[in-house]
Amino acid sequence: MKNVTIYTTPSCGWCRTTKDYFKEHNIQYNEINVAADAAARGEMIQKSGQMGVPVIDIEGEIVVGYNQPRLARLLEISEPA
């Protein structure tokens, strides 16, 4: 199983969409609320160059925003045609 971390804020709709996608495909993930953790927010910005969420780290590959095709590819999820 791949190591997945998602940087989120409580009010982020795309964060919820991404987490729902992970749950739908039984992807375990570590969630970090950057609104409540300044050090984690700095880490997220350093990794992604972005202040917006979600930022997803999959084994060191950074995905900014809900990019479902890229998430599926990195997580090896087969999507129905």
Protein backbone atom coordinates (compact mmCIF):
# COMPACT_ATOMS: atom_id res chain seq x y z
CA MET A 1 0.00 0.00 0.00
CA LYS A 2 1.30 3.44 -0.90
CA ASN A 3 1.99 6.12 1.68
CA VAL A 4 -0.61 8.88 1.10
CA THR A 5 -0.85 12.19 2.94
CA ILE A 6 -3.48 14.82 2.21
CA TYR A 7 -3.11 18.39 3.45
CA THR A 8 -6.56 19.86 4.06
CA THR A 9 -8.63 22.55 5.76
CA PRO A 10 -12.04 21.93 7.34
CA SER A 11 -13.90 24.17 4.87
CA CYS A 12 -12.35 22.77 1.67
CA GLY A 13 -14.90 21.13 -0.63
CA TRP A 14 -12.25 19.63 -2.92
CA CYS A 15 -10.57 18.12 0.14
CA ARG A 16 -13.83 16.34 0.98
CA THR A 17 -14.18 15.18 -2.62
CA THR A 18 -10.63 13.80 -2.59
CA LYS A 19 -11.16 11.99 0.73
CA ASP A 20 -14.44 10.53 -0.58
CA TYR A 21 -12.55 9.27 -3.65
CA PHE A 22 -9.94 7.64 -1.39
CA LYS A 23 -12.65 6.00 0.75
CA GLU A 24 -14.50 4.77 -2.34
CA HIS A 25 -11.32 3.00 -3.47
CA ASN A 26 -10.19 1.86 0.01
CA ILE A 27 -7.10 4.07 -0.03
CA GLN A 28 -5.72 4.66 3.45
CA TYR A 29 -4.36 8.14 4.01
CA ASN A 30 -2.97 10.45 6.65
CA GLU A 31 -4.86 13.75 6.86
CA ILE A 32 -3.15 16.93 8.06
CA ASN A 33 -5.27 19.99 8.82
CA VAL A 34 -3.05 22.92 7.79
CA ALA A 35 -5.51 25.43 9.24
CA ALA A 36 -4.65 24.14 12.71
CA ASP A 37 -0.96 23.26 12.21
CA ALA A 38 1.37 26.06 11.09
CA ALA A 39 4.39 23.77 10.82
CA ALA A 40 2.48 21.39 8.55
CA ARG A 41 1.26 24.35 6.47
CA GLY A 42 4.90 25.38 5.95
CA GLU A 43 5.79 21.79 5.00
CA MET A 44 2.93 21.69 2.49
CA ILE A 45 3.99 25.00 0.92
CA GLN A 46 7.61 23.82 0.70
CA LYS A 47 6.56 20.55 -0.99
CA SER A 48 4.05 22.04 -3.42
CA GLY A 49 4.88 25.72 -3.82
CA GLN A 50 1.15 26.28 -3.23
CA MET A 51 -0.95 27.69 -0.41
CA GLY A 52 -4.20 26.15 -1.66
CA VAL A 53 -5.55 22.77 -0.62
CA PRO A 54 -5.84 19.92 -1.14
CA VAL A 55 -2.23 18.98 -1.61
CA ILE A 56 -1.72 15.23 -1.83
CA ASP A 57 1.64 13.53 -1.32
CA ILE A 58 1.76 10.00 -2.73
CA GLU A 59 5.17 8.46 -2.10
CA GLY A 60 6.80 11.85 -2.74
CA GLU A 61 4.73 12.65 -5.84
CA ILE A 62 2.81 15.89 -5.21
CA VAL A 63 -0.69 16.44 -6.59
CA VAL A 64 -2.20 19.90 -6.15
CA GLY A 65 -6.00 19.97 -6.17
CA TYR A 66 -8.40 17.17 -7.01
CA ASN A 67 -6.81 15.72 -10.14
CA GLN A 68 -8.69 12.44 -10.38
CA PRO A 69 -6.90 11.02 -13.46
CA ARG A 70 -3.47 11.66 -11.89
CA LEU A 71 -4.58 10.27 -8.52
CA ALA A 72 -5.89 7.13 -10.24
CA ARG A 73 -2.61 6.68 -12.11
CA LEU A 74 -0.40 7.21 -9.04
CA LEU A 75 -2.58 4.97 -6.86
CA GLU A 76 -3.01 2.35 -9.61
CA ILE A 77 -6.80 2.58 -9.53
CA SER A 78 -8.60 1.15 -12.55
CA GLU A 79 -11.49 3.35 -13.54
CA PRO A 80 -14.38 1.93 -15.56
CA ALA A 81 -14.37 3.01 -19.18
